Amino acid sequence: MDDATGELDRTVALVTGASSGIGAATAKTLAAAGASVALAARRADRLETLATAIEDNGGTALAIPTDVTDGTAVEEMIERTTEAFGGLDALVNNAGVMLPAPVERADPDDWRRMVEVNLLGTMNVTRAVLPALRAGDGGHVVALSSDAIQSPSARFGAYAATKAGVVAFADSLRAEVADDGVRVTVVEPGVTDTELPDQVTDEGTKADVETLVASMRALDGEDVAAAVRYALTRPAHVSVDRLTVRPTDAG
């Protein structure tokens, strides 16, 4: 493969939210480093296209259409991954939605969706994958949070709350699994040029988010994927607990 280093040879990685943006970039990056990659998201056509691209470039990938809010589908996703690749070494919890709006006119269904996908989805997938990680020679859970938790902007309170929950969950999990050799890393991206702004339902907020992204040299998916790869490729005795990656222009 192009720029392959073999750092992740014999590693099996599962990436959720892999149909676009950070997830797709992460899958490509890990495959380029030698990992066999299971791709999970709801959009089956996007996953198949990505899996084909990875394999055409010499990598190994398996598309598994999955809704991380569906417990049965999550269990099947883990089962298919371990059956196809003989185990599972790393989970990248990337599936997420961003639906900011002023509190007074926010749609509670948007709040509920963010909690279900961003927080409960991460928790559900992590719970399901732990037996497979413990069965191997150590393992790694990576969870995508956001730098929005450090100083939540107006209209981003509910989104930041779900991402802060991811950090709290990861910190507690780290204490539970350290003795099993399982590491837990949180990656907190700043402004990143992805499809997430397209999901925003509040029109005023959507316009402001698009303006913000256009106002700077925003991160792209590959920038965040590089942070994930860095964490996964540290020696087994090194735990990268938390990584914040921001655009330089953000100050």
Protein backbone atom coordinates (compact mmCIF):
# COMPACT_ATOMS: atom_id res chain seq x y z
CA MET A 1 0.00 0.00 0.00
CA ASP A 2 1.06 3.62 -0.43
CA ASP A 3 3.02 4.88 2.62
CA ALA A 4 2.46 1.59 4.45
CA THR A 5 4.68 1.23 7.49
CA GLY A 6 3.48 -2.04 9.00
CA GLU A 7 3.10 -0.40 12.41
CA LEU A 8 -0.29 -2.07 12.78
CA ASP A 9 0.40 -5.39 11.06
CA ARG A 10 -1.68 -8.20 12.59
CA THR A 11 -3.96 -5.62 14.24
CA VAL A 12 -7.72 -5.79 13.78
CA ALA A 13 -9.49 -2.45 14.17
CA LEU A 14 -13.20 -1.61 14.18
CA VAL A 15 -14.13 1.95 13.22
CA THR A 16 -17.68 3.23 13.77
CA GLY A 17 -19.04 6.16 11.82
CA ALA A 18 -16.74 5.06 9.00
CA SER A 19 -18.86 6.16 6.05
CA SER A 20 -17.39 9.68 5.85
CA GLY A 21 -15.23 12.33 7.46
CA ILE A 22 -13.01 11.40 10.38
CA GLY A 23 -14.20 7.79 10.40
CA ALA A 24 -13.42 7.15 6.75
CA ALA A 25 -10.05 8.88 7.06
CA THR A 26 -9.22 6.86 10.15
CA ALA A 27 -10.09 3.59 8.44
CA LYS A 28 -7.83 4.44 5.49
CA THR A 29 -5.01 5.54 7.79
CA LEU A 30 -5.11 2.40 9.92
CA ALA A 31 -5.32 0.17 6.85
CA ALA A 32 -2.30 1.97 5.39
CA ALA A 33 -0.42 1.11 8.58
CA GLY A 34 -1.24 -2.57 8.12
CA ALA A 35 -4.42 -3.07 10.14
CA SER A 36 -7.36 -5.18 9.01
CA VAL A 37 -10.28 -2.79 9.35
CA ALA A 38 -13.97 -3.41 9.99
CA LEU A 39 -16.06 -0.47 8.79
CA ALA A 40 -19.33 0.31 10.58
CA ALA A 41 -21.97 2.95 9.82
CA ARG A 42 -25.56 3.10 8.66
CA ARG A 43 -24.86 3.98 5.00
CA ALA A 44 -24.07 0.62 3.42
CA ASP A 45 -23.24 2.03 -0.01
CA ARG A 46 -20.63 4.40 1.43
CA LEU A 47 -19.06 1.57 3.42
CA GLU A 48 -18.81 -0.71 0.40
CA THR A 49 -17.17 2.06 -1.63
CA LEU A 50 -14.65 2.69 1.15
CA ALA A 51 -13.91 -1.01 1.62
CA THR A 52 -13.28 -1.36 -2.12
CA ALA A 53 -10.95 1.65 -2.10
CA ILE A 54 -8.95 0.24 0.80
CA GLU A 55 -8.65 -3.18 -0.81
CA ASP A 56 -7.73 -1.68 -4.19
CA ASN A 57 -4.87 0.02 -2.38
CA GLY A 58 -3.65 -3.28 -0.93
CA GLY A 59 -5.44 -3.20 2.42
CA THR A 60 -7.98 -5.43 4.12
CA ALA A 61 -11.45 -4.14 4.97
CA LEU A 62 -14.93 -5.43 5.77
CA ALA A 63 -18.09 -3.31 5.49
CA ILE A 64 -20.63 -3.96 8.25
CA PRO A 65 -23.70 -1.70 8.06
CA THR A 66 -24.61 -0.96 11.69
CA ASP A 67 -26.66 1.47 13.75
CA VAL A 68 -24.77 1.92 17.03
CA THR A 69 -28.02 2.68 18.85
CA ASP A 70 -29.30 -0.84 18.07
CA GLY A 71 -27.98 -3.29 20.65
CA THR A 72 -28.65 -6.38 18.54
CA ALA A 73 -26.94 -4.85 15.52
CA VAL A 74 -23.93 -3.94 17.65
CA GLU A 75 -23.56 -7.52 18.89
CA GLU A 76 -23.77 -8.79 15.32
CA MET A 77 -21.14 -6.26 14.26
CA ILE A 78 -18.69 -7.56 16.85
CA GLU A 79 -19.44 -11.16 15.91
CA ARG A 80 -18.90 -10.53 12.20
CA THR A 81 -15.64 -8.71 12.87
CA THR A 82 -14.16 -11.44 15.06
CA GLU A 83 -15.31 -14.23 12.75
CA ALA A 84 -13.82 -12.51 9.69
CA PHE A 85 -10.50 -11.51 11.23
CA GLY A 86 -10.03 -13.95 14.11
CA GLY A 87 -10.23 -11.38 16.89
CA LEU A 88 -10.36 -7.68 17.62
CA ASP A 89 -7.61 -5.43 18.94
CA ALA A 90 -8.81 -1.85 18.64
CA LEU A 91 -12.11 -0.01 18.65
CA VAL A 92 -12.44 3.55 17.36
CA ASN A 93 -15.73 5.01 18.60
CA ASN A 94 -16.29 7.70 16.03
CA ALA A 95 -20.03 7.55 15.25
CA GLY A 96 -21.63 10.85 16.17
CA VAL A 97 -24.03 13.63 15.28
CA MET A 98 -23.80 17.37 15.90
CA LEU A 99 -27.12 19.21 16.20
CA PRO A 100 -26.47 22.53 17.96
CA ALA A 101 -29.16 25.14 18.52
CA PRO A 102 -30.12 27.79 21.09
CA VAL A 103 -31.66 26.08 24.11
CA GLU A 104 -34.95 27.97 23.85
CA ARG A 105 -35.70 26.82 20.32
CA ALA A 106 -33.84 23.50 20.36
CA ASP A 107 -35.71 20.38 19.30
CA PRO A 108 -35.68 17.87 22.18
CA ASP A 109 -35.58 15.10 19.58
CA ASP A 110 -32.21 16.47 18.45
CA TRP A 111 -30.98 16.37 22.04
CA ARG A 112 -32.19 12.79 22.35
CA ARG A 113 -30.50 11.80 19.10
CA MET A 114 -27.15 13.22 20.24
CA VAL A 115 -27.37 11.39 23.56
CA GLU A 116 -28.32 8.13 21.85
CA VAL A 117 -25.58 8.24 19.21
CA ASN A 118 -22.71 10.20 20.76
CA LEU A 119 -22.90 8.88 24.31
CA LEU A 120 -25.02 5.74 24.49
CA GLY A 121 -23.70 4.52 21.15
CA THR A 122 -20.15 4.79 22.44
CA MET A 123 -21.10 3.04 25.66
CA ASN A 124 -23.02 0.26 23.91
CA VAL A 125 -20.27 -0.54 21.42
CA THR A 126 -17.56 -0.41 24.07
CA ARG A 127 -19.47 -2.76 26.37
CA ALA A 128 -19.97 -5.24 23.54
CA VAL A 129 -16.34 -5.19 22.41
CA LEU A 130 -14.62 -5.62 25.78
CA PRO A 131 -14.72 -9.44 25.87
CA ALA A 132 -12.99 -9.58 22.48
CA LEU A 133 -10.36 -7.05 23.54
CA ARG A 134 -9.65 -8.90 26.77
CA ALA A 135 -9.34 -12.17 24.85
CA GLY A 136 -6.45 -10.78 22.86
CA ASP A 137 -3.01 -9.60 23.87
CA GLY A 138 -4.17 -6.30 25.28
CA GLY A 139 -6.42 -3.97 23.35
CA HIS A 140 -7.31 -0.35 22.79
CA VAL A 141 -10.48 1.73 22.93
CA VAL A 142 -10.38 5.14 21.25
CA ALA A 143 -13.30 7.50 21.74
CA LEU A 144 -13.86 10.67 19.73
CA SER A 145 -14.97 13.57 21.89
CA SER A 146 -14.59 17.27 21.02
CA ASP A 147 -12.68 20.31 22.18
CA ALA A 148 -16.15 21.87 22.58
CA ILE A 149 -16.23 20.36 26.07
CA GLN A 150 -13.39 22.59 27.25
CA SER A 151 -15.23 25.86 26.64
CA PRO A 152 -18.68 25.21 25.17
CA SER A 153 -19.80 27.88 22.74
CA ALA A 154 -23.31 29.27 22.78
CA ARG A 155 -25.77 26.82 21.19
CA PHE A 156 -23.39 23.88 21.63
CA GLY A 157 -24.34 23.02 25.22
CA ALA A 158 -26.22 19.80 24.51
CA TYR A 159 -23.61 18.56 22.05
CA ALA A 160 -20.81 19.38 24.47
CA ALA A 161 -22.69 17.62 27.26
CA THR A 162 -22.76 14.37 25.28
CA LYS A 163 -19.06 14.67 24.45
CA ALA A 164 -18.19 15.45 28.08
CA GLY A 165 -20.05 12.27 28.97
CA VAL A 166 -17.80 10.36 26.58
CA VAL A 167 -14.74 11.64 28.45
CA ALA A 168 -16.16 10.71 31.86
CA PHE A 169 -17.09 7.26 30.60
CA ALA A 170 -13.62 6.75 29.12
CA ASP A 171 -11.85 7.88 32.29
CA SER A 172 -13.83 5.43 34.38
CA LEU A 173 -13.34 2.62 31.86
CA ARG A 174 -9.58 3.19 31.85
CA ALA A 175 -9.47 2.46 35.57
CA GLU A 176 -11.47 -0.74 35.07
CA VAL A 177 -9.45 -2.29 32.26
CA ALA A 178 -5.87 -1.17 32.86
CA ASP A 179 -4.99 -4.41 34.66
CA ASP A 180 -6.11 -6.33 31.57
CA GLY A 181 -3.68 -4.42 29.38
CA VAL A 182 -6.48 -2.54 27.62
CA ARG A 183 -5.74 1.13 26.97
CA VAL A 184 -8.30 3.91 26.58
CA THR A 185 -7.70 7.11 24.63
CA VAL A 186 -9.93 10.13 24.09
CA VAL A 187 -9.28 12.28 21.01
CA GLU A 188 -10.77 15.78 21.08
CA PRO A 189 -10.80 17.44 17.63
CA GLY A 190 -11.37 21.12 17.14
CA VAL A 191 -13.01 22.63 14.06
CA THR A 192 -12.90 19.94 11.37
CA ASP A 193 -14.16 20.12 7.81
CA THR A 194 -16.58 17.16 7.67
CA GLU A 195 -20.22 16.51 6.82
CA LEU A 196 -21.38 17.18 10.39
CA PRO A 197 -22.52 20.76 9.68
CA ASP A 198 -24.83 19.38 7.00
CA GLN A 199 -26.83 17.67 9.76
CA VAL A 200 -27.57 20.87 11.69
CA THR A 201 -31.32 21.49 11.69
CA ASP A 202 -31.31 25.03 13.13
CA GLU A 203 -30.76 27.22 10.06
CA GLY A 204 -29.14 30.17 11.84
CA THR A 205 -26.71 27.90 13.64
CA LYS A 206 -25.95 25.95 10.49
CA ALA A 207 -24.97 29.13 8.66
CA ASP A 208 -22.75 30.21 11.54
CA VAL A 209 -21.01 26.82 11.67
CA GLU A 210 -20.35 26.89 7.93
CA THR A 211 -18.95 30.42 8.24
CA LEU A 212 -16.68 29.34 11.10
CA VAL A 213 -15.27 26.41 9.15
CA ALA A 214 -14.67 28.61 6.11
CA SER A 215 -12.97 31.30 8.21
CA MET A 216 -9.88 29.24 9.02
CA ARG A 217 -7.65 26.44 7.87
CA ALA A 218 -9.85 23.82 9.52
CA LEU A 219 -8.65 20.34 10.31
CA ASP A 220 -9.53 17.59 7.88
CA GLY A 221 -10.31 13.98 8.65
CA GLU A 222 -6.73 12.91 7.99
CA ASP A 223 -5.42 15.27 10.68
CA VAL A 224 -7.59 13.62 13.30
CA ALA A 225 -6.89 10.14 11.92
CA ALA A 226 -3.17 10.79 12.45
CA ALA A 227 -3.85 11.41 16.14
CA VAL A 228 -5.75 8.11 16.39
CA ARG A 229 -2.90 6.29 14.68
CA TYR A 230 -0.38 7.90 17.02
CA ALA A 231 -2.26 6.63 20.09
CA LEU A 232 -2.67 3.11 18.69
CA THR A 233 0.98 2.74 17.74
CA ARG A 234 2.55 3.63 21.10
CA PRO A 235 4.37 0.80 22.92
CA ALA A 236 2.14 -1.39 25.09
CA HIS A 237 3.43 0.22 28.30
CA VAL A 238 2.51 3.74 27.09
CA SER A 239 -1.05 5.01 27.49
CA VAL A 240 -2.09 8.17 25.67
CA ASP A 241 -5.08 9.14 27.77
CA ARG A 242 -6.20 12.29 25.99
CA LEU A 243 -5.26 14.15 22.79
CA THR A 244 -6.63 17.55 21.78
CA VAL A 245 -6.10 18.49 18.11
CA ARG A 246 -7.03 22.00 16.99
CA PRO A 247 -6.53 24.20 13.95
CA THR A 248 -3.64 26.59 14.46
CA ASP A 249 -5.87 29.43 13.28
CA ALA A 250 -8.25 28.79 16.19
CA GLY A 251 -5.71 30.38 18.54
